[in-house]
C-alpha atoms as a PDB file:
ATOM      1  CA  UNK A   1      24.798 241.481 107.076  1.00  0.00           C
ATOM      2  CA  UNK A   2      27.423 242.595 104.573  1.00  0.00           C
ATOM      3  CA  UNK A   3      30.364 241.616 106.775  1.00  0.00           C
ATOM      4  CA  UNK A   4      28.720 238.247 107.447  1.00  0.00           C
ATOM      5  CA  UNK A   5      28.444 237.546 103.711  1.00  0.00           C
ATOM      6  CA  UNK A   6      32.084 238.500 103.256  1.00  0.00           C
ATOM      7  CA  UNK A   7      33.267 236.218 106.072  1.00  0.00           C
ATOM      8  CA  UNK A   8      31.184 233.285 104.853  1.00  0.00           C
ATOM      9  CA  UNK A   9      32.422 233.972 101.324  1.00  0.00           C
ATOM     10  CA  UNK A  10      36.064 233.843 102.385  1.00  0.00           C
ATOM     11  CA  UNK A  11      35.467 230.612 104.312  1.00  0.00           C
ATOM     12  CA  UNK A  12      33.712 229.037 101.317  1.00  0.00           C
ATOM     13  CA  UNK A  13      36.546 230.170  99.043  1.00  0.00           C
ATOM     14  CA  UNK A  14      39.198 228.697 101.353  1.00  0.00           C
ATOM     15  CA  UNK A  15      37.409 225.355 101.710  1.00  0.00           C
ATOM     16  CA  UNK A  16      36.734 225.242  97.969  1.00  0.00           C
ATOM     17  CA  UNK A  17      40.412 225.795  97.184  1.00  0.00           C
ATOM     18  CA  UNK A  18      41.346 223.054  99.669  1.00  0.00           C
ATOM     19  CA  UNK A  19      38.919 220.664  97.976  1.00  0.00           C
ATOM     20  CA  UNK A  20      40.350 221.539  94.565  1.00  0.00           C
ATOM     21  CA  UNK A  21      43.857 220.855  95.855  1.00  0.00           C
ATOM     22  CA  UNK A  22      42.884 217.542  97.397  1.00  0.00           C
ATOM     23  CA  UNK A  23      40.784 216.458  94.431  1.00  0.00           C
ATOM     24  CA  UNK A  24      43.638 217.084  92.003  1.00  0.00           C
ATOM     25  CA  UNK A  25      46.194 215.495  94.319  1.00  0.00           C
ATOM     26  CA  UNK A  26      48.212 218.697  94.791  1.00  0.00           C
ATOM     27  CA  UNK A  27      47.414 218.801  98.516  1.00  0.00           C
ATOM     28  CA  UNK A  28      47.800 215.400 100.177  1.00  0.00           C
ATOM     29  CA  UNK A  29      46.753 216.530 103.640  1.00  0.00           C
ATOM     30  CA  UNK A  30      45.588 214.781 105.703  1.00  0.00           C
ATOM     31  CA  UNK A  31      47.134 211.635 104.290  1.00  0.00           C
ATOM     32  CA  UNK A  32      44.107 209.521 105.212  1.00  0.00           C
ATOM     33  CA  UNK A  33      41.612 211.771 103.372  1.00  0.00           C
ATOM     34  CA  UNK A  34      39.218 210.009 101.008  1.00  0.00           C
ATOM     35  CA  UNK A  35      39.192 213.086  98.753  1.00  0.00           C
ATOM     36  CA  UNK A  36      42.814 212.864  97.551  1.00  0.00           C
ATOM     37  CA  UNK A  37      43.016 212.379  93.765  1.00  0.00           C
ATOM     38  CA  UNK A  38      39.237 212.131  93.423  1.00  0.00           C
ATOM     39  CA  UNK A  39      38.373 214.468  90.556  1.00  0.00           C
ATOM     40  CA  UNK A  40      34.751 214.911  91.614  1.00  0.00           C
ATOM     41  CA  UNK A  41      35.951 216.769  94.721  1.00  0.00           C
ATOM     42  CA  UNK A  42      37.889 219.197  92.544  1.00  0.00           C
ATOM     43  CA  UNK A  43      34.616 220.027  90.765  1.00  0.00           C
ATOM     44  CA  UNK A  44      32.762 220.394  94.059  1.00  0.00           C
ATOM     45  CA  UNK A  45      35.562 222.658  95.254  1.00  0.00           C
ATOM     46  CA  UNK A  46      35.350 224.783  92.120  1.00  0.00           C
ATOM     47  CA  UNK A  47      31.613 225.228  92.643  1.00  0.00           C
ATOM     48  CA  UNK A  48      32.095 226.127  96.309  1.00  0.00           C
ATOM     49  CA  UNK A  49      34.923 228.555  95.501  1.00  0.00           C
ATOM     50  CA  UNK A  50      32.727 230.190  92.853  1.00  0.00           C
ATOM     51  CA  UNK A  51      29.927 230.552  95.388  1.00  0.00           C
ATOM     52  CA  UNK A  52      32.425 232.053  97.816  1.00  0.00           C
ATOM     53  CA  UNK A  53      33.506 234.630  95.253  1.00  0.00           C
ATOM     54  CA  UNK A  54      29.886 235.578  94.618  1.00  0.00           C
ATOM     55  CA  UNK A  55      29.261 235.986  98.355  1.00  0.00           C
ATOM     56  CA  UNK A  56      32.388 238.133  98.724  1.00  0.00           C
ATOM     57  CA  UNK A  57      31.281 240.272  95.793  1.00  0.00           C
ATOM     58  CA  UNK A  58      27.776 240.690  97.228  1.00  0.00           C
ATOM     59  CA  UNK A  59      29.152 241.472 100.676  1.00  0.00           C
ATOM     60  CA  UNK A  60      31.421 244.195  99.332  1.00  0.00           C
ATOM     61  CA  UNK A  61      28.720 245.920  97.230  1.00  0.00           C
END
């Protein structure tokens, strides 16, 4: 259970950071993505990354 939370947490953190990068326009990959320079996706990414950090923390306890 603990290792599962950690793995899911790292995946959520990675996807959240990708969404932040796309939402702010720092990451323009893939070029056809509808999320590029859409600030709402940066906020969604921040929330998902925060959730990922919580899951990592809980998995390591």
